């Protein structure tokens, strides 16, 4: 059985017909040619396929495309604006936070999402005090990024890159991931 769906990916609206068994990741990569999200484990465990789905981070390898008709999807490539890298892209480069780079798009989307979650005061499993905004220390960043794996061992540099954005001027330079794309980048 097939269904007609509409997806907005990195600000571009697409109408497509997909088999109801097609994952969102396969719809992005195979149907739309959007290859920023990577297929890693295909079991929802590595985070390579992470995108921002309606402003929240989500793994796409286990999500059915038909379940996300009319979704707004932002990939790592879509975080760049007019050729300018997102502050997290720049921080990953500056901190050498990738080696093979395969997990990097998912890591960056997840970091954007988790920084937004932290800004909204969402606690993590290691947040000691849940009634106030959690500090984004190393333990918080590691816990919040635990769904994204780096097999090359660049984890220390990834935490450093995210920490710089979370605590530095780079964070103030980009809007919330939860805001609609048109408003974020206009």
N, C-alpha and C. Protein backbone atom coordinates (compact mmCIF):
# COMPACT_ATOMS: atom_id res chain seq x y z
N UNK A 1 0.84 -1.18 0.00
CA UNK A 1 0.00 0.00 0.00
C UNK A 1 0.89 1.25 0.00
N UNK A 2 0.48 2.24 -0.77
CA UNK A 2 1.25 3.49 -0.85
C UNK A 2 0.38 4.65 -0.40
N UNK A 3 1.05 5.71 0.05
CA UNK A 3 0.35 6.92 0.50
C UNK A 3 1.04 8.14 -0.05
N UNK A 4 0.26 9.15 -0.29
CA UNK A 4 0.80 10.46 -0.68
C UNK A 4 1.04 11.27 0.58
N UNK A 5 2.25 11.80 0.70
CA UNK A 5 2.58 12.62 1.86
C UNK A 5 3.30 13.89 1.39
N UNK A 6 3.38 14.82 2.28
CA UNK A 6 4.12 16.05 2.03
C UNK A 6 5.10 16.26 3.18
N UNK A 7 6.33 16.55 2.81
CA UNK A 7 7.37 16.84 3.80
C UNK A 7 8.04 18.16 3.44
N UNK A 8 8.36 18.94 4.43
CA UNK A 8 9.18 20.12 4.22
C UNK A 8 10.56 19.79 4.78
N UNK A 9 11.54 19.76 3.90
CA UNK A 9 12.90 19.36 4.30
C UNK A 9 13.84 20.52 4.01
N UNK A 10 14.46 21.02 5.05
CA UNK A 10 15.41 22.15 4.94
C UNK A 10 14.78 23.32 4.19
N UNK A 11 13.51 23.54 4.47
CA UNK A 11 12.80 24.68 3.89
C UNK A 11 12.19 24.42 2.53
N UNK A 12 12.44 23.25 1.94
CA UNK A 12 11.90 22.90 0.62
C UNK A 12 10.74 21.93 0.81
N UNK A 13 9.60 22.26 0.23
CA UNK A 13 8.42 21.42 0.37
C UNK A 13 8.39 20.36 -0.74
N UNK A 14 8.14 19.11 -0.35
CA UNK A 14 8.11 17.99 -1.28
C UNK A 14 6.79 17.23 -1.13
N UNK A 15 6.21 16.86 -2.24
CA UNK A 15 5.08 15.94 -2.26
C UNK A 15 5.61 14.63 -2.83
N UNK A 16 5.34 13.52 -2.16
CA UNK A 16 5.85 12.25 -2.63
C UNK A 16 4.88 11.13 -2.29
N UNK A 17 5.02 10.06 -3.02
CA UNK A 17 4.24 8.86 -2.77
C UNK A 17 5.20 7.80 -2.26
N UNK A 18 4.87 7.25 -1.08
CA UNK A 18 5.77 6.27 -0.47
C UNK A 18 5.00 5.01 -0.09
N UNK A 19 5.70 3.91 -0.15
CA UNK A 19 5.18 2.67 0.42
C UNK A 19 5.02 2.91 1.93
N UNK A 20 3.95 2.44 2.49
CA UNK A 20 3.69 2.70 3.91
C UNK A 20 4.75 2.10 4.83
N UNK A 21 5.58 1.20 4.30
CA UNK A 21 6.63 0.58 5.12
C UNK A 21 7.95 1.34 5.05
N UNK A 22 8.01 2.40 4.26
CA UNK A 22 9.27 3.14 4.09
C UNK A 22 9.54 4.00 5.31
N UNK A 23 10.78 3.94 5.77
CA UNK A 23 11.15 4.78 6.91
C UNK A 23 11.34 6.22 6.45
N UNK A 24 11.29 7.10 7.41
CA UNK A 24 11.53 8.51 7.11
C UNK A 24 12.94 8.70 6.56
N UNK A 25 13.89 7.96 7.10
CA UNK A 25 15.27 8.06 6.61
C UNK A 25 15.37 7.63 5.15
N UNK A 26 14.73 6.52 4.80
CA UNK A 26 14.78 6.07 3.41
C UNK A 26 14.02 7.01 2.49
N UNK A 27 12.94 7.59 2.98
CA UNK A 27 12.21 8.58 2.17
C UNK A 27 13.10 9.78 1.89
N UNK A 28 13.83 10.22 2.91
CA UNK A 28 14.73 11.36 2.72
C UNK A 28 15.83 11.02 1.71
N UNK A 29 16.49 9.91 1.95
CA UNK A 29 17.66 9.57 1.14
C UNK A 29 17.29 9.05 -0.25
N UNK A 30 16.36 8.08 -0.30
CA UNK A 30 16.07 7.41 -1.56
C UNK A 30 15.03 8.14 -2.41
N UNK A 31 14.03 8.71 -1.77
CA UNK A 31 12.98 9.37 -2.53
C UNK A 31 13.30 10.82 -2.85
N UNK A 32 13.96 11.51 -1.91
CA UNK A 32 14.21 12.94 -2.09
C UNK A 32 15.67 13.26 -2.40
N UNK A 33 16.56 12.31 -2.24
CA UNK A 33 17.98 12.58 -2.51
C UNK A 33 18.63 13.46 -1.45
N UNK A 34 18.03 13.53 -0.27
CA UNK A 34 18.60 14.31 0.84
C UNK A 34 19.49 13.35 1.63
N UNK A 35 20.80 13.53 1.52
CA UNK A 35 21.74 12.56 2.10
C UNK A 35 22.45 13.05 3.35
N UNK A 36 22.04 14.16 3.89
CA UNK A 36 22.70 14.66 5.10
C UNK A 36 22.52 13.69 6.25
N UNK A 37 21.31 13.19 6.46
CA UNK A 37 21.09 12.19 7.51
C UNK A 37 21.68 10.86 7.02
N UNK A 38 22.48 10.23 7.86
CA UNK A 38 23.19 9.01 7.46
C UNK A 38 22.48 7.77 7.99
N UNK A 39 22.61 6.69 7.25
CA UNK A 39 22.10 5.40 7.71
C UNK A 39 23.25 4.69 8.39
N UNK A 40 23.12 4.52 9.71
CA UNK A 40 24.18 3.87 10.47
C UNK A 40 23.79 2.46 10.85
N UNK A 41 23.21 2.31 12.03
CA UNK A 41 22.88 0.98 12.53
C UNK A 41 21.56 0.46 11.98
N UNK A 42 20.68 1.36 11.57
CA UNK A 42 19.34 1.00 11.09
C UNK A 42 18.51 0.34 12.19
N UNK A 43 18.89 0.58 13.44
CA UNK A 43 18.17 0.03 14.60
C UNK A 43 17.86 1.11 15.63
N UNK A 44 18.04 2.37 15.29
CA UNK A 44 17.73 3.46 16.21
C UNK A 44 18.69 3.57 17.38
N UNK A 45 19.88 3.03 17.25
CA UNK A 45 20.80 3.01 18.39
C UNK A 45 22.02 3.89 18.23
N UNK A 46 22.36 4.31 17.01
CA UNK A 46 23.61 5.05 16.83
C UNK A 46 23.41 6.55 16.67
N UNK A 47 22.23 6.98 16.23
CA UNK A 47 21.93 8.41 16.11
C UNK A 47 22.44 9.05 14.83
N UNK A 48 23.03 8.30 13.93
CA UNK A 48 23.54 8.89 12.69
C UNK A 48 22.44 9.50 11.84
N UNK A 49 21.23 9.02 11.99
CA UNK A 49 20.11 9.48 11.18
C UNK A 49 19.30 10.59 11.85
N UNK A 50 19.84 11.18 12.92
CA UNK A 50 19.10 12.20 13.68
C UNK A 50 18.88 13.45 12.84
N UNK A 51 17.66 13.94 12.87
CA UNK A 51 17.28 15.21 12.26
C UNK A 51 16.44 15.97 13.29
N UNK A 52 16.10 17.19 12.97
CA UNK A 52 15.13 17.93 13.77
C UNK A 52 13.79 17.75 13.09
N UNK A 53 12.89 17.08 13.77
CA UNK A 53 11.56 16.77 13.24
C UNK A 53 10.56 17.65 13.98
N UNK A 54 10.02 18.61 13.27
CA UNK A 54 9.14 19.61 13.88
C UNK A 54 9.83 20.27 15.08
N UNK A 55 11.13 20.53 14.92
CA UNK A 55 11.90 21.24 15.93
C UNK A 55 12.50 20.39 17.02
N UNK A 56 12.18 19.11 17.05
CA UNK A 56 12.72 18.23 18.09
C UNK A 56 13.58 17.16 17.43
N UNK A 57 14.63 16.79 18.12
CA UNK A 57 15.52 15.79 17.53
C UNK A 57 14.83 14.42 17.49
N UNK A 58 15.09 13.72 16.43
CA UNK A 58 14.47 12.41 16.24
C UNK A 58 15.34 11.56 15.34
N UNK A 59 15.41 10.27 15.66
CA UNK A 59 16.07 9.33 14.77
C UNK A 59 15.05 8.93 13.70
N UNK A 60 15.49 8.84 12.49
CA UNK A 60 14.57 8.63 11.38
C UNK A 60 14.56 7.21 10.85
N UNK A 61 15.47 6.36 11.31
CA UNK A 61 15.55 5.01 10.74
C UNK A 61 14.43 4.10 11.22
N UNK A 62 13.80 4.45 12.32
CA UNK A 62 12.71 3.62 12.82
C UNK A 62 11.35 4.30 12.69
N UNK A 63 11.32 5.49 12.11
CA UNK A 63 10.06 6.24 11.96
C UNK A 63 9.50 6.00 10.57
N UNK A 64 8.23 5.68 10.49
CA UNK A 64 7.61 5.52 9.18
C UNK A 64 7.32 6.90 8.60
N UNK A 65 7.62 7.05 7.33
CA UNK A 65 7.40 8.34 6.66
C UNK A 65 5.93 8.73 6.70
N UNK A 66 5.04 7.77 6.48
CA UNK A 66 3.60 8.10 6.45
C UNK A 66 3.11 8.65 7.78
N UNK A 67 3.79 8.32 8.86
CA UNK A 67 3.39 8.82 10.17
C UNK A 67 3.78 10.28 10.37
N UNK A 68 4.55 10.83 9.43
CA UNK A 68 5.04 12.20 9.58
C UNK A 68 4.64 13.07 8.39
N UNK A 69 3.50 12.78 7.84
CA UNK A 69 2.95 13.62 6.77
C UNK A 69 2.85 15.06 7.29
N UNK A 70 3.25 16.00 6.47
CA UNK A 70 3.23 17.44 6.79
C UNK A 70 4.31 17.85 7.79
N UNK A 71 5.29 17.00 8.03
CA UNK A 71 6.34 17.32 8.98
C UNK A 71 7.32 18.35 8.42
N UNK A 72 7.91 19.10 9.33
CA UNK A 72 8.99 20.04 9.00
C UNK A 72 10.29 19.41 9.49
N UNK A 73 11.18 19.10 8.57
CA UNK A 73 12.42 18.39 8.89
C UNK A 73 13.60 19.29 8.59
N UNK A 74 14.51 19.37 9.54
CA UNK A 74 15.76 20.10 9.33
C UNK A 74 16.91 19.12 9.49
N UNK A 75 17.72 19.00 8.46
CA UNK A 75 18.91 18.16 8.54
C UNK A 75 20.10 19.05 8.90
N UNK A 76 21.23 18.42 9.13
CA UNK A 76 22.43 19.20 9.42
C UNK A 76 22.75 20.16 8.28
N UNK A 77 22.58 19.70 7.06
CA UNK A 77 22.84 20.57 5.91
C UNK A 77 21.89 21.77 5.91
N UNK A 78 20.69 21.56 6.38
CA UNK A 78 19.70 22.63 6.41
C UNK A 78 19.93 23.64 7.52
N UNK A 79 20.82 23.33 8.45
CA UNK A 79 21.13 24.29 9.52
C UNK A 79 21.98 25.44 9.01
N UNK A 80 22.73 25.20 7.94
CA UNK A 80 23.52 26.28 7.34
C UNK A 80 22.56 27.27 6.71
N UNK A 81 22.94 28.52 6.72
CA UNK A 81 22.08 29.57 6.17
C UNK A 81 22.87 30.42 5.19
N UNK A 82 22.41 30.45 3.96
CA UNK A 82 23.05 31.27 2.93
C UNK A 82 24.55 31.03 2.85
N UNK A 83 24.94 29.77 2.99
CA UNK A 83 26.36 29.42 2.88
C UNK A 83 27.14 29.59 4.16
N UNK A 84 26.51 30.14 5.19
CA UNK A 84 27.18 30.29 6.49
C UNK A 84 26.90 29.07 7.35
N UNK A 85 27.95 28.53 7.91
CA UNK A 85 27.80 27.37 8.78
C UNK A 85 27.05 27.76 10.05
N UNK A 86 26.31 26.80 10.58
CA UNK A 86 25.66 26.97 11.87
C UNK A 86 26.78 27.05 12.94
N UNK A 87 26.56 27.74 14.03
CA UNK A 87 27.59 27.83 15.08
C UNK A 87 28.11 26.46 15.54
N UNK A 88 27.24 25.45 15.56
CA UNK A 88 27.72 24.11 15.95
C UNK A 88 28.60 23.50 14.86
N UNK A 89 28.29 23.74 13.60
CA UNK A 89 29.19 23.28 12.52
C UNK A 89 30.59 23.85 12.75
N UNK A 90 30.63 25.15 12.97
CA UNK A 90 31.91 25.85 13.14
C UNK A 90 32.64 25.32 14.38
N UNK A 91 31.90 25.12 15.47
CA UNK A 91 32.52 24.63 16.70
C UNK A 91 33.08 23.21 16.50
N UNK A 92 32.35 22.37 15.77
CA UNK A 92 32.86 21.02 15.50
C UNK A 92 34.18 21.10 14.70
N UNK A 93 34.24 22.01 13.75
CA UNK A 93 35.48 22.17 12.97
C UNK A 93 36.59 22.70 13.87
N UNK A 94 36.29 23.75 14.63
CA UNK A 94 37.31 24.37 15.47
C UNK A 94 37.87 23.42 16.52
N UNK A 95 37.03 22.50 17.01
CA UNK A 95 37.46 21.56 18.06
C UNK A 95 37.87 20.20 17.50
N UNK A 96 37.92 20.08 16.19
CA UNK A 96 38.25 18.80 15.56
C UNK A 96 37.37 17.69 16.15
N UNK A 97 36.06 17.96 16.15
CA UNK A 97 35.11 17.07 16.82
C UNK A 97 34.58 15.97 15.91
N UNK A 98 35.29 15.70 14.85
CA UNK A 98 34.90 14.58 14.01
C UNK A 98 36.18 13.96 13.44
N UNK A 99 36.09 12.70 13.19
CA UNK A 99 37.22 12.04 12.54
C UNK A 99 36.77 11.53 11.18
N UNK A 100 36.02 10.44 11.15
CA UNK A 100 35.53 10.02 9.83
C UNK A 100 34.39 10.92 9.38
N UNK A 101 33.68 11.54 10.33
CA UNK A 101 32.63 12.48 10.00
C UNK A 101 31.28 11.86 9.72
N UNK A 102 31.20 10.54 9.72
CA UNK A 102 29.95 9.88 9.36
C UNK A 102 28.83 10.21 10.34
N UNK A 103 29.12 10.27 11.61
CA UNK A 103 28.09 10.54 12.61
C UNK A 103 27.83 12.03 12.79
N UNK A 104 28.67 12.87 12.23
CA UNK A 104 28.64 14.30 12.51
C UNK A 104 27.29 14.97 12.20
N UNK A 105 26.65 14.70 11.06
CA UNK A 105 25.35 15.37 10.83
C UNK A 105 24.33 15.04 11.92
N UNK A 106 24.27 13.78 12.34
CA UNK A 106 23.36 13.40 13.41
C UNK A 106 23.76 14.03 14.74
N UNK A 107 25.07 14.08 14.99
CA UNK A 107 25.56 14.69 16.23
C UNK A 107 25.16 16.17 16.28
N UNK A 108 25.32 16.85 15.18
CA UNK A 108 25.03 18.29 15.16
C UNK A 108 23.52 18.53 15.32
N UNK A 109 22.70 17.76 14.63
CA UNK A 109 21.25 17.93 14.80
C UNK A 109 20.84 17.61 16.24
N UNK A 110 21.41 16.57 16.79
CA UNK A 110 21.08 16.22 18.17
C UNK A 110 21.54 17.31 19.13
N UNK A 111 22.71 17.88 18.89
CA UNK A 111 23.22 18.95 19.76
C UNK A 111 22.31 20.18 19.68
N UNK A 112 21.86 20.53 18.49
CA UNK A 112 20.95 21.68 18.36
C UNK A 112 19.67 21.40 19.15
N UNK A 113 19.16 20.19 19.00
CA UNK A 113 17.94 19.84 19.72
C UNK A 113 18.12 19.81 21.22
N UNK A 114 19.24 19.26 21.67
CA UNK A 114 19.45 19.17 23.12
C UNK A 114 19.73 20.52 23.74
N UNK A 115 20.39 21.41 23.02
CA UNK A 115 20.59 22.76 23.55
C UNK A 115 19.26 23.48 23.70
N UNK A 116 18.37 23.25 22.76
CA UNK A 116 17.04 23.84 22.85
C UNK A 116 16.28 23.25 24.03
N UNK A 117 16.39 21.95 24.22
CA UNK A 117 15.73 21.30 25.36
C UNK A 117 16.27 21.88 26.68
N UNK A 118 17.57 22.06 26.75
CA UNK A 118 18.18 22.61 27.97
C UNK A 118 17.72 24.05 28.19
N UNK A 119 17.64 24.82 27.10
CA UNK A 119 17.16 26.20 27.22
C UNK A 119 15.74 26.26 27.77
N UNK A 120 14.97 25.24 27.43
CA UNK A 120 13.59 25.19 27.91
C UNK A 120 13.49 24.60 29.32
N UNK A 121 14.63 24.21 29.89
CA UNK A 121 14.66 23.72 31.27
C UNK A 121 14.34 22.25 31.43
N UNK A 122 14.38 21.51 30.32
CA UNK A 122 14.09 20.08 30.41
C UNK A 122 15.24 19.39 31.15
N UNK A 123 14.95 18.62 32.17
CA UNK A 123 16.02 17.89 32.86
C UNK A 123 16.44 16.64 32.09
N UNK A 124 17.62 16.15 32.40
CA UNK A 124 18.08 14.87 31.84
C UNK A 124 18.15 13.87 32.99
N UNK A 125 18.62 12.68 32.71
CA UNK A 125 18.75 11.65 33.75
C UNK A 125 19.78 12.01 34.80
N UNK A 126 20.71 12.92 34.49
CA UNK A 126 21.74 13.28 35.47
C UNK A 126 21.50 14.65 36.09
N UNK A 127 20.42 15.31 35.77
CA UNK A 127 20.13 16.62 36.35
C UNK A 127 19.83 16.44 37.84
N UNK A 128 20.62 17.11 38.67
CA UNK A 128 20.45 16.97 40.11
C UNK A 128 19.25 17.75 40.62
N UNK A 129 19.08 18.95 40.12
CA UNK A 129 18.00 19.81 40.59
C UNK A 129 17.05 20.06 39.42
N UNK A 130 15.88 19.48 39.46
CA UNK A 130 14.98 19.55 38.31
C UNK A 130 14.05 20.75 38.33
N UNK A 131 14.11 21.56 39.38
CA UNK A 131 13.22 22.72 39.44
C UNK A 131 13.85 23.97 38.87
N UNK A 132 15.11 23.89 38.47
CA UNK A 132 15.76 25.05 37.86
C UNK A 132 16.45 24.61 36.57
N UNK A 133 16.85 25.60 35.78
CA UNK A 133 17.53 25.30 34.52
C UNK A 133 18.80 24.50 34.78
N UNK A 134 18.98 23.39 34.09
CA UNK A 134 20.16 22.56 34.34
C UNK A 134 21.42 23.21 33.78
N UNK A 135 22.53 23.13 34.51
CA UNK A 135 23.80 23.62 33.97
C UNK A 135 24.28 22.65 32.90
N UNK A 136 24.78 23.16 31.82
CA UNK A 136 25.27 22.27 30.76
C UNK A 136 26.75 21.96 30.98
N UNK A 137 26.99 21.19 32.03
CA UNK A 137 28.36 20.74 32.28
C UNK A 137 28.63 19.48 31.46
N UNK A 138 29.83 18.96 31.60
CA UNK A 138 30.22 17.79 30.81
C UNK A 138 29.28 16.61 31.02
N UNK A 139 28.88 16.36 32.26
CA UNK A 139 28.00 15.23 32.55
C UNK A 139 26.64 15.41 31.86
N UNK A 140 26.11 16.64 31.90
CA UNK A 140 24.82 16.90 31.24
C UNK A 140 24.94 16.72 29.73
N UNK A 141 25.99 17.25 29.14
CA UNK A 141 26.15 17.15 27.69
C UNK A 141 26.31 15.69 27.29
N UNK A 142 27.14 14.96 28.02
CA UNK A 142 27.34 13.54 27.69
C UNK A 142 26.04 12.76 27.80
N UNK A 143 25.27 12.99 28.85
CA UNK A 143 24.00 12.28 29.00
C UNK A 143 23.02 12.64 27.89
N UNK A 144 22.92 13.92 27.61
CA UNK A 144 21.96 14.37 26.60
C UNK A 144 22.37 13.93 25.19
N UNK A 145 23.63 13.69 24.97
CA UNK A 145 24.11 13.24 23.66
C UNK A 145 24.32 11.72 23.62
N UNK A 146 23.89 11.01 24.64
CA UNK A 146 24.21 9.58 24.73
C UNK A 146 23.54 8.75 23.64
N UNK A 147 22.55 9.27 22.97
CA UNK A 147 21.92 8.53 21.88
C UNK A 147 22.66 8.64 20.56
N UNK A 148 23.74 9.40 20.54
CA UNK A 148 24.54 9.57 19.33
C UNK A 148 25.93 9.02 19.60
N UNK A 149 26.31 8.03 18.83
CA UNK A 149 27.59 7.37 19.05
C UNK A 149 28.64 7.82 18.03
N UNK A 150 29.86 7.99 18.52
CA UNK A 150 31.00 8.26 17.65
C UNK A 150 31.94 7.07 17.79
N UNK A 151 32.07 6.34 16.73
CA UNK A 151 32.91 5.14 16.77
C UNK A 151 34.39 5.46 16.65
N UNK A 152 34.71 6.70 16.26
CA UNK A 152 36.11 7.07 16.09
C UNK A 152 36.75 7.56 17.39
N UNK A 153 35.96 7.85 18.38
CA UNK A 153 36.52 8.30 19.65
C UNK A 153 36.72 9.79 19.76
N UNK A 154 35.98 10.57 18.99
CA UNK A 154 36.09 12.03 19.06
C UNK A 154 35.15 12.63 20.10
N UNK A 155 34.66 11.78 21.00
CA UNK A 155 33.64 12.22 21.96
C UNK A 155 34.09 13.41 22.81
N UNK A 156 35.33 13.41 23.24
CA UNK A 156 35.83 14.52 24.07
C UNK A 156 35.74 15.83 23.30
N UNK A 157 36.11 15.79 22.04
CA UNK A 157 36.07 17.01 21.22
C UNK A 157 34.63 17.43 20.91
N UNK A 158 33.74 16.46 20.77
CA UNK A 158 32.33 16.77 20.54
C UNK A 158 31.76 17.49 21.76
N UNK A 159 32.06 17.01 22.94
CA UNK A 159 31.58 17.66 24.17
C UNK A 159 32.17 19.07 24.26
N UNK A 160 33.43 19.23 23.92
CA UNK A 160 34.06 20.56 23.96
C UNK A 160 33.38 21.52 22.98
N UNK A 161 33.07 21.03 21.79
CA UNK A 161 32.41 21.88 20.78
C UNK A 161 31.03 22.30 21.26
N UNK A 162 30.27 21.36 21.77
CA UNK A 162 28.92 21.67 22.25
C UNK A 162 29.00 22.61 23.45
N UNK A 163 29.94 22.35 24.34
CA UNK A 163 30.10 23.20 25.52
C UNK A 163 30.41 24.64 25.13
N UNK A 164 31.27 24.81 24.13
CA UNK A 164 31.59 26.16 23.69
C UNK A 164 30.36 26.89 23.17
N UNK A 165 29.56 26.19 22.41
CA UNK A 165 28.35 26.82 21.87
C UNK A 165 27.35 27.09 22.99
N UNK A 166 27.27 26.15 23.92
CA UNK A 166 26.30 26.30 25.02
C UNK A 166 26.66 27.45 25.94
N UNK A 167 27.93 27.72 26.10
CA UNK A 167 28.35 28.73 27.06
C UNK A 167 28.87 30.01 26.42
N UNK A 168 29.13 29.96 25.15
CA UNK A 168 29.74 31.12 24.51
C UNK A 168 28.78 31.96 23.72
N UNK A 169 29.31 32.88 23.00
CA UNK A 169 28.50 33.78 22.19
C UNK A 169 27.83 33.07 21.03
N UNK A 170 28.36 31.94 20.64
CA UNK A 170 27.78 31.25 19.48
C UNK A 170 26.33 30.84 19.73
N UNK A 171 25.98 30.51 20.98
CA UNK A 171 24.62 30.10 21.27
C UNK A 171 23.64 31.22 21.02
N UNK A 172 23.99 32.43 21.41
CA UNK A 172 23.08 33.56 21.24
C UNK A 172 22.89 33.90 19.77
N UNK A 173 23.78 33.43 18.92
CA UNK A 173 23.73 33.79 17.51
C UNK A 173 22.73 32.97 16.72
N UNK A 174 22.23 31.88 17.29
CA UNK A 174 21.25 31.12 16.53
C UNK A 174 19.96 30.98 17.31
N UNK A 175 18.84 30.95 16.58
CA UNK A 175 17.54 30.88 17.22
C UNK A 175 17.20 29.47 17.68
N UNK A 176 16.13 29.36 18.42
CA UNK A 176 15.65 28.09 18.92
C UNK A 176 15.31 27.16 17.76
N UNK A 177 15.66 25.88 17.91
CA UNK A 177 15.32 24.89 16.89
C UNK A 177 13.83 24.62 16.84
N UNK A 178 13.12 24.98 17.89
CA UNK A 178 11.68 24.71 17.93
C UNK A 178 10.90 25.72 17.11
N UNK A 179 11.52 26.84 16.75
CA UNK A 179 10.82 27.83 15.96
C UNK A 179 10.71 27.35 14.52
N UNK A 180 9.62 27.67 13.86
CA UNK A 180 9.50 27.28 12.45
C UNK A 180 10.66 27.84 11.64
N UNK A 181 11.12 27.07 10.68
CA UNK A 181 12.28 27.43 9.89
C UNK A 181 12.15 28.80 9.24
N UNK A 182 11.00 29.11 8.69
CA UNK A 182 10.83 30.37 7.99
C UNK A 182 11.09 31.54 8.93
N UNK A 183 10.67 31.40 10.17
CA UNK A 183 10.86 32.48 11.12
C UNK A 183 12.28 32.50 11.67
N UNK A 184 12.89 31.30 11.78
CA UNK A 184 14.24 31.24 12.33
C UNK A 184 15.25 31.93 11.45
N UNK A 185 15.10 31.81 10.17
CA UNK A 185 16.16 32.27 9.29
C UNK A 185 15.78 33.50 8.48
N UNK A 186 14.66 34.09 8.75
CA UNK A 186 14.28 35.28 7.97
C UNK A 186 14.92 36.51 8.56
